[in-house]
C-alpha atoms as a PDB file:
ATOM      1  CA  MET A   1     102.746  89.079 104.845  1.00  0.00           C
ATOM      2  CA  CYS A   2     106.718  90.132 103.796  1.00  0.00           C
ATOM      3  CA  SER A   3     108.165  88.451 101.184  1.00  0.00           C
ATOM      4  CA  ARG A   4     109.924  85.227 101.775  1.00  0.00           C
ATOM      5  CA  ARG A   5     113.129  85.991 100.378  1.00  0.00           C
ATOM      6  CA  GLY A   6     113.525  89.603 102.232  1.00  0.00           C
ATOM      7  CA  TYR A   7     113.587  92.774  99.785  1.00  0.00           C
ATOM      8  CA  ALA A   8     115.249  90.936  97.040  1.00  0.00           C
ATOM      9  CA  LEU A   9     112.051  90.208  95.841  1.00  0.00           C
ATOM     10  CA  VAL A  10     111.056  93.434  95.311  1.00  0.00           C
ATOM     11  CA  GLY A  11     111.449  96.101  92.436  1.00  0.00           C
ATOM     12  CA  PHE A  12     113.634  99.368  93.089  1.00  0.00           C
ATOM     13  CA  ALA A  13     110.782 101.423  92.912  1.00  0.00           C
ATOM     14  CA  ASP A  14     109.171  99.926  96.658  1.00  0.00           C
ATOM     15  CA  PHE A  15     111.768 100.816  98.472  1.00  0.00           C
ATOM     16  CA  PHE A  16     112.069 104.325  97.445  1.00  0.00           C
ATOM     17  CA  PRO A  17     108.415 105.564  98.128  1.00  0.00           C
ATOM     18  CA  ARG A  18     106.663 108.372  96.728  1.00  0.00           C
ATOM     19  CA  LEU A  19     108.805 111.711  97.600  1.00  0.00           C
ATOM     20  CA  GLU A  20     106.631 114.770  99.370  1.00  0.00           C
ATOM     21  CA  THR A  21     107.301 116.980  96.218  1.00  0.00           C
ATOM     22  CA  GLY A  22     104.959 114.167  94.245  1.00  0.00           C
ATOM     23  CA  MET A  23     107.705 112.762  92.609  1.00  0.00           C
ATOM     24  CA  VAL A  24     107.239 108.783  91.699  1.00  0.00           C
ATOM     25  CA  MET A  25     109.604 105.970  90.763  1.00  0.00           C
ATOM     26  CA  LYS A  26     107.370 104.238  88.960  1.00  0.00           C
ATOM     27  CA  ARG A  27     107.316 100.533  87.623  1.00  0.00           C
ATOM     28  CA  GLN A  28     105.985 100.671  84.735  1.00  0.00           C
ATOM     29  CA  LEU A  29     103.644  97.340  82.285  1.00  0.00           C
ATOM     30  CA  ILE A  30     103.708  98.329  78.890  1.00  0.00           C
ATOM     31  CA  GLY A  31     100.560  98.808  77.343  1.00  0.00           C
ATOM     32  CA  PHE A  32      99.228 100.093  80.698  1.00  0.00           C
ATOM     33  CA  ALA A  33      97.366 103.404  80.295  1.00  0.00           C
ATOM     34  CA  LEU A  34      96.041 104.136  83.623  1.00  0.00           C
ATOM     35  CA  PHE A  35      94.634 107.715  85.493  1.00  0.00           C
ATOM     36  CA  SER A  36      95.398 109.308  88.774  1.00  0.00           C
ATOM     37  CA  GLY A  37      93.138 110.286  90.447  1.00  0.00           C
ATOM     38  CA  MET A  38      92.576 110.080  94.510  1.00  0.00           C
ATOM     39  CA  LEU A  39      88.794 110.220  96.760  1.00  0.00           C
ATOM     40  CA  ALA A  40      86.694 110.559  99.559  1.00  0.00           C
ATOM     41  CA  GLY A  41      84.515 108.532 101.961  1.00  0.00           C
ATOM     42  CA  THR A  42      80.488 109.181 103.266  1.00  0.00           C
ATOM     43  CA  THR A  43      78.759 106.195 105.290  1.00  0.00           C
ATOM     44  CA  THR A  44      78.443 102.743 105.735  1.00  0.00           C
ATOM     45  CA  GLY A  45      75.137 102.444 105.605  1.00  0.00           C
ATOM     46  CA  PHE A  46      74.555 100.691 102.446  1.00  0.00           C
ATOM     47  CA  ALA A  47      71.689  98.483 101.922  1.00  0.00           C
ATOM     48  CA  GLN A  48      72.242  95.090 100.427  1.00  0.00           C
ATOM     49  CA  SER A  49      69.909  95.385  97.162  1.00  0.00           C
ATOM     50  CA  GLY A  50      72.561  94.536  94.672  1.00  0.00           C
ATOM     51  CA  ASN A  51      73.284  90.744  92.813  1.00  0.00           C
ATOM     52  CA  VAL A  52      75.705  88.400  93.961  1.00  0.00           C
ATOM     53  CA  VAL A  53      78.337  87.735  91.735  1.00  0.00           C
ATOM     54  CA  LYS A  54      80.665  84.679  92.637  1.00  0.00           C
ATOM     55  CA  TYR A  55      83.970  83.486  91.404  1.00  0.00           C
ATOM     56  CA  HIS A  56      86.197  80.990  92.266  1.00  0.00           C
ATOM     57  CA  ALA A  57      89.863  81.710  92.727  1.00  0.00           C
ATOM     58  CA  SER A  58      92.846  79.282  92.419  1.00  0.00           C
ATOM     59  CA  MET A  59      96.472  79.327  91.411  1.00  0.00           C
ATOM     60  CA  GLY A  60      95.872  79.166  87.975  1.00  0.00           C
ATOM     61  CA  ASP A  61      94.741  82.177  87.710  1.00  0.00           C
ATOM     62  CA  VAL A  62      96.229  84.292  90.553  1.00  0.00           C
ATOM     63  CA  LYS A  63      98.008  87.807  89.973  1.00  0.00           C
ATOM     64  CA  TYR A  64     100.999  88.858  92.127  1.00  0.00           C
ATOM     65  CA  VAL A  65     101.020  92.566  90.905  1.00  0.00           C
ATOM     66  CA  TYR A  66      98.141  95.048  91.966  1.00  0.00           C
ATOM     67  CA  GLY A  67      97.976  97.233  88.124  1.00  0.00           C
ATOM     68  CA  VAL A  68      95.567  96.783  85.089  1.00  0.00           C
ATOM     69  CA  ALA A  69      94.811  93.283  84.332  1.00  0.00           C
ATOM     70  CA  GLU A  70      92.140  91.009  82.025  1.00  0.00           C
ATOM     71  CA  PRO A  71      88.919  91.436  85.342  1.00  0.00           C
ATOM     72  CA  VAL A  72      87.846  87.730  86.071  1.00  0.00           C
ATOM     73  CA  ALA A  73      84.733  89.441  87.127  1.00  0.00           C
ATOM     74  CA  ARG A  74      82.938  92.814  86.582  1.00  0.00           C
ATOM     75  CA  LEU A  75      80.548  94.046  89.554  1.00  0.00           C
ATOM     76  CA  LYS A  76      77.290  96.943  90.135  1.00  0.00           C
ATOM     77  CA  SER A  77      77.389  99.505  92.694  1.00  0.00           C
ATOM     78  CA  GLY A  78      75.865  97.962  95.168  1.00  0.00           C
ATOM     79  CA  ASP A  79      76.468  93.864  94.054  1.00  0.00           C
ATOM     80  CA  VAL A  80      77.549  91.530  96.578  1.00  0.00           C
ATOM     81  CA  LEU A  81      80.391  89.829  95.653  1.00  0.00           C
ATOM     82  CA  GLU A  82      81.084  86.517  97.269  1.00  0.00           C
ATOM     83  CA  THR A  83      85.161  84.166  96.573  1.00  0.00           C
ATOM     84  CA  ASN A  84      87.996  83.380  97.971  1.00  0.00           C
ATOM     85  CA  THR A  85      92.074  83.443  97.979  1.00  0.00           C
ATOM     86  CA  VAL A  86      94.704  81.443  98.683  1.00  0.00           C
ATOM     87  CA  ASP A  87      97.022  81.460 101.407  1.00  0.00           C
ATOM     88  CA  ALA A  88     100.157  83.643 101.215  1.00  0.00           C
ATOM     89  CA  PHE A  89     102.118  80.932 100.184  1.00  0.00           C
ATOM     90  CA  GLY A  90      99.997  79.646  97.731  1.00  0.00           C
ATOM     91  CA  ASN A  91      99.079  76.921  99.526  1.00  0.00           C
ATOM     92  CA  ALA A  92     102.029  75.218  99.052  1.00  0.00           C
ATOM     93  CA  ILE A  93     102.698  75.023 103.100  1.00  0.00           C
ATOM     94  CA  GLN A  94     101.142  72.051 103.664  1.00  0.00           C
ATOM     95  CA  LYS A  95     103.121  69.304 106.376  1.00  0.00           C
ATOM     96  CA  PRO A  96     105.856  69.388 108.626  1.00  0.00           C
ATOM     97  CA  GLY A  97     108.990  69.270 106.090  1.00  0.00           C
ATOM     98  CA  ASP A  98     107.330  71.744 103.227  1.00  0.00           C
ATOM     99  CA  PRO A  99     110.549  74.086 102.582  1.00  0.00           C
ATOM    100  CA  LEU A 100     109.648  77.557 100.943  1.00  0.00           C
ATOM    101  CA  SER A 101     111.291  76.802  97.734  1.00  0.00           C
ATOM    102  CA  LEU A 102     107.557  75.110  97.186  1.00  0.00           C
ATOM    103  CA  VAL A 103     106.353  79.086  97.678  1.00  0.00           C
ATOM    104  CA  LYS A 104     105.538  79.876  94.015  1.00  0.00           C
ATOM    105  CA  GLY A 105     105.096  83.849  94.684  1.00  0.00           C
ATOM    106  CA  ASP A 106     104.659  85.808  97.581  1.00  0.00           C
ATOM    107  CA  ASN A 107     100.592  86.728  98.267  1.00  0.00           C
ATOM    108  CA  PRO A 108      99.043  85.529  95.775  1.00  0.00           C
ATOM    109  CA  LEU A 109      96.125  87.571  95.062  1.00  0.00           C
ATOM    110  CA  THR A 110      92.713  87.022  93.905  1.00  0.00           C
ATOM    111  CA  GLY A 111      90.640  89.431  91.056  1.00  0.00           C
ATOM    112  CA  PRO A 112      91.302  92.314  89.953  1.00  0.00           C
ATOM    113  CA  PHE A 113      87.743  92.365  89.682  1.00  0.00           C
ATOM    114  CA  TYR A 114      86.199  95.259  87.454  1.00  0.00           C
ATOM    115  CA  ILE A 115      83.419  97.660  89.233  1.00  0.00           C
ATOM    116  CA  GLU A 116      81.043  99.266  86.460  1.00  0.00           C
ATOM    117  CA  GLY A 117      81.077 102.581  87.253  1.00  0.00           C
ATOM    118  CA  ALA A 118      83.674 103.584  88.967  1.00  0.00           C
ATOM    119  CA  GLN A 119      85.722 106.607  87.138  1.00  0.00           C
ATOM    120  CA  PRO A 120      89.426 108.419  89.011  1.00  0.00           C
ATOM    121  CA  GLY A 121      87.857 110.843  91.362  1.00  0.00           C
ATOM    122  CA  ASP A 122      85.348 108.623  93.466  1.00  0.00           C
ATOM    123  CA  THR A 123      85.636 106.534  96.123  1.00  0.00           C
ATOM    124  CA  LEU A 124      84.804 102.343  96.321  1.00  0.00           C
ATOM    125  CA  ALA A 125      82.817 101.347  99.430  1.00  0.00           C
ATOM    126  CA  VAL A 126      83.968  97.800 100.179  1.00  0.00           C
ATOM    127  CA  LYS A 127      81.646  96.803 103.118  1.00  0.00           C
ATOM    128  CA  ILE A 128      83.318  93.237 105.076  1.00  0.00           C
ATOM    129  CA  LEU A 129      79.617  91.428 105.525  1.00  0.00           C
ATOM    130  CA  ASP A 130      81.351  87.848 106.483  1.00  0.00           C
ATOM    131  CA  ILE A 131      84.639  86.304 106.291  1.00  0.00           C
ATOM    132  CA  GLN A 132      85.865  82.141 107.124  1.00  0.00           C
ATOM    133  CA  VAL A 133      89.097  80.814 107.626  1.00  0.00           C
ATOM    134  CA  ASP A 134      88.834  77.997 104.239  1.00  0.00           C
ATOM    135  CA  GLY A 135      91.127  75.595 106.356  1.00  0.00           C
ATOM    136  CA  ASN A 136      91.965  73.988 108.907  1.00  0.00           C
ATOM    137  CA  GLN A 137      95.530  74.334 109.124  1.00  0.00           C
ATOM    138  CA  GLY A 138      97.009  78.206 109.073  1.00  0.00           C
ATOM    139  CA  VAL A 139     100.955  78.807 108.110  1.00  0.00           C
ATOM    140  CA  GLY A 140     104.107  80.624 109.829  1.00  0.00           C
ATOM    141  CA  ALA A 141     107.298  81.531 108.683  1.00  0.00           C
ATOM    142  CA  PHE A 142     110.615  83.330 108.376  1.00  0.00           C
ATOM    143  CA  ALA A 143     113.362  83.332 106.246  1.00  0.00           C
ATOM    144  CA  PRO A 144     116.928  84.408 106.122  1.00  0.00           C
ATOM    145  CA  GLY A 145     115.853  88.307 105.734  1.00  0.00           C
ATOM    146  CA  PHE A 146     112.639  88.321 106.825  1.00  0.00           C
ATOM    147  CA  GLY A 147     111.072  89.658 109.788  1.00  0.00           C
ATOM    148  CA  ALA A 148     111.436  93.146 111.999  1.00  0.00           C
ATOM    149  CA  LEU A 149     114.603  91.879 113.269  1.00  0.00           C
ATOM    150  CA  ASN A 150     116.174  90.234 110.566  1.00  0.00           C
ATOM    151  CA  GLU A 151     118.573  91.583 108.478  1.00  0.00           C
ATOM    152  CA  THR A 152     117.404  92.271 104.724  1.00  0.00           C
ATOM    153  CA  ASN A 153     119.411  94.059 101.859  1.00  0.00           C
ATOM    154  CA  TYR A 154     118.260  97.228 103.262  1.00  0.00           C
ATOM    155  CA  THR A 155     118.395  97.292 106.756  1.00  0.00           C
ATOM    156  CA  PRO A 156     122.373  95.392 106.780  1.00  0.00           C
ATOM    157  CA  MET A 157     123.459  94.087 109.920  1.00  0.00           C
ATOM    158  CA  LEU A 158     126.771  91.865 110.761  1.00  0.00           C
ATOM    159  CA  HIS A 159     124.926  88.762 111.780  1.00  0.00           C
ATOM    160  CA  PRO A 160     124.277  85.789 110.692  1.00  0.00           C
ATOM    161  CA  PRO A 161     120.209  85.602 109.168  1.00  0.00           C
ATOM    162  CA  LEU A 162     118.123  83.600 110.648  1.00  0.00           C
ATOM    163  CA  PRO A 163     116.988  80.146 109.682  1.00  0.00           C
ATOM    164  CA  GLU A 164     114.205  79.146 107.603  1.00  0.00           C
ATOM    165  CA  LYS A 165     112.116  78.089 110.020  1.00  0.00           C
ATOM    166  CA  ILE A 166     107.812  77.244 109.338  1.00  0.00           C
ATOM    167  CA  TRP A 167     104.805  76.455 112.076  1.00  0.00           C
ATOM    168  CA  LEU A 168     102.477  74.385 111.879  1.00  0.00           C
ATOM    169  CA  TYR A 169      98.601  76.156 113.054  1.00  0.00           C
ATOM    170  CA  PRO A 170      96.298  73.441 113.703  1.00  0.00           C
ATOM    171  CA  ILE A 171      92.491  75.480 113.522  1.00  0.00           C
ATOM    172  CA  ASP A 172      89.554  74.351 115.395  1.00  0.00           C
ATOM    173  CA  HIS A 173      86.116  76.017 113.824  1.00  0.00           C
ATOM    174  CA  ALA A 174      84.445  74.915 117.381  1.00  0.00           C
ATOM    175  CA  SER A 175      86.105  77.330 119.463  1.00  0.00           C
ATOM    176  CA  ASN A 176      87.965  79.458 116.535  1.00  0.00           C
ATOM    177  CA  THR A 177      90.867  79.188 117.398  1.00  0.00           C
ATOM    178  CA  ALA A 178      94.403  78.375 116.121  1.00  0.00           C
ATOM    179  CA  THR A 179      96.982  76.689 118.235  1.00  0.00           C
ATOM    180  CA  PHE A 180     100.704  77.661 118.644  1.00  0.00           C
ATOM    181  CA  LYS A 181     103.183  74.648 119.006  1.00  0.00           C
ATOM    182  CA  ALA A 182     106.941  75.449 119.819  1.00  0.00           C
ATOM    183  CA  LEU A 183     109.228  73.979 118.190  1.00  0.00           C
ATOM    184  CA  ASP A 184     112.285  73.573 120.527  1.00  0.00           C
ATOM    185  CA  SER A 185     110.081  73.024 124.036  1.00  0.00           C
ATOM    186  CA  ASN A 186     106.664  71.255 124.736  1.00  0.00           C
ATOM    187  CA  PHE A 187     104.846  74.667 124.914  1.00  0.00           C
ATOM    188  CA  SER A 188     101.891  75.235 122.964  1.00  0.00           C
ATOM    189  CA  VAL A 189      99.014  78.045 123.055  1.00  0.00           C
ATOM    190  CA  LYS A 190      94.916  78.359 121.584  1.00  0.00           C
ATOM    191  CA  ILE A 191      95.110  81.617 120.246  1.00  0.00           C
ATOM    192  CA  PRO A 192      91.188  83.349 119.158  1.00  0.00           C
ATOM    193  CA  LEU A 193      91.244  84.008 115.668  1.00  0.00           C
ATOM    194  CA  HIS A 194      90.501  86.904 113.778  1.00  0.00           C
ATOM    195  CA  PRO A 195      90.085  86.759 110.170  1.00  0.00           C
ATOM    196  CA  PHE A 196      91.086  88.620 107.744  1.00  0.00           C
ATOM    197  CA  PHE A 197      92.858  89.955 104.569  1.00  0.00           C
ATOM    198  CA  GLY A 198      96.250  91.166 104.739  1.00  0.00           C
ATOM    199  CA  CYS A 199      96.167  92.358 100.704  1.00  0.00           C
ATOM    200  CA  ILE A 200      92.849  94.153  99.902  1.00  0.00           C
ATOM    201  CA  GLY A 201      93.920  97.125  97.359  1.00  0.00           C
ATOM    202  CA  VAL A 202      92.739  98.948  93.799  1.00  0.00           C
ATOM    203  CA  ALA A 203      95.037  99.268  90.572  1.00  0.00           C
ATOM    204  CA  PRO A 204      97.631 102.140  91.187  1.00  0.00           C
ATOM    205  CA  ALA A 205      97.378 105.420  89.844  1.00  0.00           C
ATOM    206  CA  GLY A 206      99.955 107.128  87.536  1.00  0.00           C
ATOM    207  CA  GLY A 207     100.477 103.648  85.176  1.00  0.00           C
ATOM    208  CA  GLU A 208     102.093 101.719  88.099  1.00  0.00           C
ATOM    209  CA  ALA A 209     101.563  98.174  88.290  1.00  0.00           C
ATOM    210  CA  ARG A 210     102.735  97.199  92.660  1.00  0.00           C
ATOM    211  CA  SER A 211     104.155  93.810  93.888  1.00  0.00           C
ATOM    212  CA  SER A 212     101.386  92.330  96.699  1.00  0.00           C
ATOM    213  CA  ILE A 213     103.798  92.811  98.956  1.00  0.00           C
ATOM    214  CA  VAL A 214     103.859  96.952  98.763  1.00  0.00           C
ATOM    215  CA  PRO A 215     101.562  98.502 100.715  1.00  0.00           C
ATOM    216  CA  ALA A 216     100.631 102.162  99.258  1.00  0.00           C
ATOM    217  CA  GLU A 217      97.896 104.827  98.781  1.00  0.00           C
ATOM    218  CA  PHE A 218      96.140 101.977  96.700  1.00  0.00           C
ATOM    219  CA  GLY A 219      95.339  99.412  99.513  1.00  0.00           C
ATOM    220  CA  GLY A 220      98.291  96.823  98.785  1.00  0.00           C
ATOM    221  CA  ASN A 221     100.004  94.618 101.684  1.00  0.00           C
ATOM    222  CA  MET A 222      98.459  97.023 104.616  1.00  0.00           C
ATOM    223  CA  ASP A 223      97.702  93.374 106.813  1.00  0.00           C
ATOM    224  CA  SER A 224      95.327  95.951 108.338  1.00  0.00           C
ATOM    225  CA  PRO A 225      92.784  93.478 111.658  1.00  0.00           C
ATOM    226  CA  GLU A 226      90.985  96.067 110.454  1.00  0.00           C
ATOM    227  CA  VAL A 227      89.689  94.686 106.957  1.00  0.00           C
ATOM    228  CA  SER A 228      87.440  92.313 109.018  1.00  0.00           C
ATOM    229  CA  VAL A 229      83.309  91.936 109.130  1.00  0.00           C
ATOM    230  CA  GLY A 230      81.425  95.411 110.071  1.00  0.00           C
ATOM    231  CA  ASN A 231      83.915  97.314 108.313  1.00  0.00           C
ATOM    232  CA  THR A 232      83.905  99.064 106.104  1.00  0.00           C
ATOM    233  CA  LEU A 233      87.188 100.001 103.675  1.00  0.00           C
ATOM    234  CA  TYR A 234      86.663 103.236 101.404  1.00  0.00           C
ATOM    235  CA  LEU A 235      89.716 102.707  98.445  1.00  0.00           C
ATOM    236  CA  PRO A 236      90.499 105.554  96.034  1.00  0.00           C
ATOM    237  CA  VAL A 237      89.574 104.616  92.025  1.00  0.00           C
ATOM    238  CA  ASN A 238      92.777 105.275  90.086  1.00  0.00           C
ATOM    239  CA  VAL A 239      91.590 103.798  86.726  1.00  0.00           C
ATOM    240  CA  PRO A 240      88.159 102.743  84.993  1.00  0.00           C
ATOM    241  CA  GLY A 241      86.472  99.813  86.636  1.00  0.00           C
ATOM    242  CA  ALA A 242      88.458 100.443  89.703  1.00  0.00           C
ATOM    243  CA  LEU A 243      90.503  96.870  89.321  1.00  0.00           C
ATOM    244  CA  LEU A 244      89.831  95.172  93.370  1.00  0.00           C
ATOM    245  CA  TYR A 245      92.306  93.140  94.464  1.00  0.00           C
ATOM    246  CA  MET A 246      92.147  91.148  97.030  1.00  0.00           C
ATOM    247  CA  GLY A 247      94.569  87.761  98.979  1.00  0.00           C
ATOM    248  CA  ASP A 248      96.993  87.443 101.697  1.00  0.00           C
ATOM    249  CA  GLY A 249      94.389  85.399 105.035  1.00  0.00           C
ATOM    250  CA  HIS A 250      95.125  85.680 107.901  1.00  0.00           C
ATOM    251  CA  ALA A 251      93.415  84.173 110.513  1.00  0.00           C
ATOM    252  CA  ALA A 252      95.136  86.389 113.311  1.00  0.00           C
ATOM    253  CA  MET A 253      98.403  88.570 113.856  1.00  0.00           C
ATOM    254  CA  GLY A 254      99.866  90.401 116.502  1.00  0.00           C
ATOM    255  CA  ASP A 255     100.736  94.356 116.385  1.00  0.00           C
ATOM    256  CA  GLY A 256     103.823  94.766 113.563  1.00  0.00           C
ATOM    257  CA  GLU A 257     103.508  90.961 112.497  1.00  0.00           C
ATOM    258  CA  VAL A 258     107.090  91.254 113.130  1.00  0.00           C
ATOM    259  CA  ALA A 259     108.642  88.013 112.349  1.00  0.00           C
ATOM    260  CA  GLY A 260     107.099  88.774 108.766  1.00  0.00           C
ATOM    261  CA  THR A 261     103.502  86.361 109.198  1.00  0.00           C
ATOM    262  CA  ALA A 262     100.573  86.097 110.219  1.00  0.00           C
ATOM    263  CA  ILE A 263      98.238  83.107 110.988  1.00  0.00           C
ATOM    264  CA  GLU A 264      98.225  82.213 106.971  1.00  0.00           C
ATOM    265  CA  VAL A 265      95.192  81.348 105.912  1.00  0.00           C
ATOM    266  CA  PRO A 266      93.122  80.438 102.546  1.00  0.00           C
ATOM    267  CA  LEU A 267      89.732  82.692 103.269  1.00  0.00           C
ATOM    268  CA  ARG A 268      86.283  82.557 101.626  1.00  0.00           C
ATOM    269  CA  THR A 269      84.518  85.902 102.238  1.00  0.00           C
ATOM    270  CA  ARG A 270      80.929  88.164 101.469  1.00  0.00           C
ATOM    271  CA  LEU A 271      81.522  91.968 100.175  1.00  0.00           C
ATOM    272  CA  GLN A 272      79.111  94.720  99.459  1.00  0.00           C
ATOM    273  CA  ILE A 273      80.467  97.114  96.460  1.00  0.00           C
ATOM    274  CA  ASN A 274      79.348 100.400  96.195  1.00  0.00           C
ATOM    275  CA  VAL A 275      80.788 103.416  94.012  1.00  0.00           C
ATOM    276  CA  LEU A 276      81.047 106.870  95.879  1.00  0.00           C
ATOM    277  CA  LYS A 277      80.685 108.788  92.507  1.00  0.00           C
ATOM    278  CA  GLY A 278      82.156 112.236  93.282  1.00  0.00           C
ATOM    279  CA  GLN A 279      83.682 111.512  96.206  1.00  0.00           C
ATOM    280  CA  LYS A 280      87.628 111.660  96.844  1.00  0.00           C
ATOM    281  CA  ILE A 281      90.101 111.183  99.185  1.00  0.00           C
ATOM    282  CA  ASN A 282      94.025 110.174  98.786  1.00  0.00           C
ATOM    283  CA  TRP A 283      94.358 107.060 101.499  1.00  0.00           C
ATOM    284  CA  PRO A 284      92.848 104.531 102.237  1.00  0.00           C
ATOM    285  CA  ARG A 285      90.018 104.467 105.421  1.00  0.00           C
ATOM    286  CA  PHE A 286      88.046 102.635 107.214  1.00  0.00           C
ATOM    287  CA  GLU A 287      84.932 102.483 108.825  1.00  0.00           C
ATOM    288  CA  ASN A 288      82.587 101.186 110.961  1.00  0.00           C
ATOM    289  CA  ASP A 289      79.188 102.594 113.819  1.00  0.00           C
ATOM    290  CA  ASP A 290      81.567 103.711 116.290  1.00  0.00           C
ATOM    291  CA  THR A 291      85.377 104.678 114.985  1.00  0.00           C
ATOM    292  CA  ILE A 292      86.747 106.464 111.683  1.00  0.00           C
ATOM    293  CA  MET A 293      89.984 104.909 110.616  1.00  0.00           C
ATOM    294  CA  ALA A 294      92.924 106.493 108.774  1.00  0.00           C
ATOM    295  CA  VAL A 295      95.820 104.642 107.032  1.00  0.00           C
ATOM    296  CA  GLY A 296      99.744 105.992 106.615  1.00  0.00           C
ATOM    297  CA  ALA A 297     101.352 103.735 105.138  1.00  0.00           C
ATOM    298  CA  TYR A 298     105.185 105.093 104.308  1.00  0.00           C
ATOM    299  CA  ARG A 299     108.916 104.625 105.659  1.00  0.00           C
ATOM    300  CA  PRO A 300     110.195 105.984 108.275  1.00  0.00           C
ATOM    301  CA  LEU A 301     107.775 104.663 110.728  1.00  0.00           C
ATOM    302  CA  ASP A 302     107.013 108.274 112.256  1.00  0.00           C
ATOM    303  CA  ASP A 303     105.783 109.521 108.107  1.00  0.00           C
ATOM    304  CA  ALA A 304     103.497 106.531 108.005  1.00  0.00           C
ATOM    305  CA  LEU A 305     101.656 108.136 111.187  1.00  0.00           C
ATOM    306  CA  ARG A 306     101.969 112.642 110.117  1.00  0.00           C
ATOM    307  CA  ILE A 307     100.021 110.461 107.102  1.00  0.00           C
ATOM    308  CA  ALA A 308      97.523 108.976 108.725  1.00  0.00           C
ATOM    309  CA  PHE A 309      96.597 111.445 111.243  1.00  0.00           C
ATOM    310  CA  THR A 310      96.896 114.347 108.205  1.00  0.00           C
ATOM    311  CA  GLU A 311      94.246 112.437 106.252  1.00  0.00           C
ATOM    312  CA  LEU A 312      91.954 111.485 110.334  1.00  0.00           C
ATOM    313  CA  VAL A 313      91.999 115.586 110.728  1.00  0.00           C
ATOM    314  CA  ARG A 314      91.165 116.102 107.233  1.00  0.00           C
ATOM    315  CA  TRP A 315      88.344 113.681 106.945  1.00  0.00           C
ATOM    316  CA  ILE A 316      86.922 115.562 110.606  1.00  0.00           C
ATOM    317  CA  HIS A 317      86.841 118.525 108.654  1.00  0.00           C
ATOM    318  CA  HIS A 318      85.279 118.280 105.850  1.00  0.00           C
ATOM    319  CA  ASP A 319      82.968 115.639 106.926  1.00  0.00           C
ATOM    320  CA  TYR A 320      82.125 116.468 110.723  1.00  0.00           C
ATOM    321  CA  GLY A 321      82.597 120.262 110.273  1.00  0.00           C
ATOM    322  CA  LEU A 322      85.491 120.978 112.868  1.00  0.00           C
ATOM    323  CA  SER A 323      88.626 123.552 112.443  1.00  0.00           C
ATOM    324  CA  GLU A 324      91.326 121.028 111.317  1.00  0.00           C
ATOM    325  CA  LEU A 325      93.509 123.073 114.461  1.00  0.00           C
ATOM    326  CA  ASP A 326      90.811 122.195 116.952  1.00  0.00           C
ATOM    327  CA  THR A 327      90.807 118.333 115.749  1.00  0.00           C
ATOM    328  CA  TYR A 328      94.443 118.845 115.537  1.00  0.00           C
ATOM    329  CA  GLU A 329      94.156 119.664 119.083  1.00  0.00           C
ATOM    330  CA  LEU A 330      90.973 116.630 120.300  1.00  0.00           C
ATOM    331  CA  LEU A 331      92.806 114.288 118.326  1.00  0.00           C
ATOM    332  CA  SER A 332      95.629 114.769 120.744  1.00  0.00           C
ATOM    333  CA  LYS A 333      93.545 114.184 123.380  1.00  0.00           C
ATOM    334  CA  VAL A 334      91.323 110.779 122.293  1.00  0.00           C
ATOM    335  CA  ALA A 335      92.971 108.966 119.336  1.00  0.00           C
ATOM    336  CA  ARG A 336      94.484 106.098 119.098  1.00  0.00           C
ATOM    337  CA  ILE A 337      96.967 104.225 116.792  1.00  0.00           C
ATOM    338  CA  HIS A 338      97.562 101.107 115.611  1.00  0.00           C
ATOM    339  CA  LEU A 339     100.675  99.562 114.687  1.00  0.00           C
ATOM    340  CA  ASN A 340      99.492  96.803 111.484  1.00  0.00           C
ATOM    341  CA  GLU A 341     102.690  96.473 110.651  1.00  0.00           C
ATOM    342  CA  MET A 342     106.357  97.163 109.946  1.00  0.00           C
ATOM    343  CA  VAL A 343     108.336  94.399 107.932  1.00  0.00           C
ATOM    344  CA  ASP A 344     107.224  95.476 104.488  1.00  0.00           C
ATOM    345  CA  PRO A 345     108.096  97.804 101.649  1.00  0.00           C
ATOM    346  CA  ASN A 346     106.402 100.445 103.227  1.00  0.00           C
ATOM    347  CA  TYR A 347     105.331 100.432 107.581  1.00  0.00           C
ATOM    348  CA  VAL A 348     101.678 100.740 108.059  1.00  0.00           C
ATOM    349  CA  VAL A 349      99.999 102.826 110.489  1.00  0.00           C
ATOM    350  CA  VAL A 350      95.990 103.354 110.969  1.00  0.00           C
ATOM    351  CA  ALA A 351      95.225 106.278 113.558  1.00  0.00           C
ATOM    352  CA  LEU A 352      91.550 106.343 114.893  1.00  0.00           C
ATOM    353  CA  VAL A 353      89.381 108.082 116.829  1.00  0.00           C
ATOM    354  CA  GLU A 354      86.496 107.107 118.333  1.00  0.00           C
ATOM    355  CA  LYS A 355      82.754 109.213 116.943  1.00  0.00           C
ATOM    356  CA  LYS A 356      81.426 109.860 120.362  1.00  0.00           C
ATOM    357  CA  TYR A 357      84.030 112.822 120.329  1.00  0.00           C
ATOM    358  CA  LEU A 358      82.960 114.401 117.538  1.00  0.00           C
ATOM    359  CA  PRO A 359      80.742 116.424 116.282  1.00  0.00           C
ATOM    360  CA  PRO A 360      77.948 115.378 114.215  1.00  0.00           C
ATOM    361  CA  LYS A 361      78.222 114.410 110.510  1.00  0.00           C
ATOM    362  CA  LYS A 362      77.403 117.325 108.356  1.00  0.00           C
ATOM    363  CA  LYS A 363      73.961 116.965 106.075  1.00  0.00           C
END
């Protein structure tokens, strides 16, 4: 989800992302001493032999930034985390007539979780074992300064802003669907559920604390349906313990998330966390048995795509041994892209290729 109040909630640095020269406009919190570092992924075949760590989140202990904070729990590599998240509105919208003014903050995050042994220069592998919608209703909304087709402070338009509107989505767990009900007619339609986390990420590098509505190198508000059962997410470790956060549960979402929200829901989840020592990546990645996927998050949209494909080329060269130029040519013929969202401070593109088109992975 993007900010319900438009971009006025976002810090200055979140509208001027990292320049190609490597300079950055930082939002720092006093006392944060983070270490920079970026890492590289490997395989999805992790044995589920760790302990189970359970943590129940409530609105009393959620966070609204990715950064250094006191951990809510600690895990070892291989452990399974069982936890929950509130929805992007903090579970504040419950019935017709509830206004967005009830919402305390956007995208409340569960965490952080400290992963023992994770250090800058490692990769955190998060295998999605299970995600369940934790309720019988979802919420969709738009408001002034909100959405891809509405004006914002940084995309000004002459037309009057769209009015605040809220849709409630009844969820049928038996049929695994949510129901869209039009506000201005009697039309309704069932939507298949595909639950995933809109927000998942680690503490950023370089002493930063970033808003929960921002996607970037550390993950964050990627709004990626790829954060779903059967996939493994790889994240760079930037600080000791990695400090993993998650939130912004979605029951379903269209490509681009163009109105600014998915079907926003609380979630329950089981995740297996592994530390890949000494392996470095620059951006988040996803993998399953059939496909590898690389994330790019930036503005303009074409630069997000360039980041995603550059990372995919380097991944294939490093892990599968194909030269960068041969990889570049091959991807031009068989790769696919997924536009996850174009409503947040950075836009998110995932570039992917099926493993059947690649050489055997290097030993």
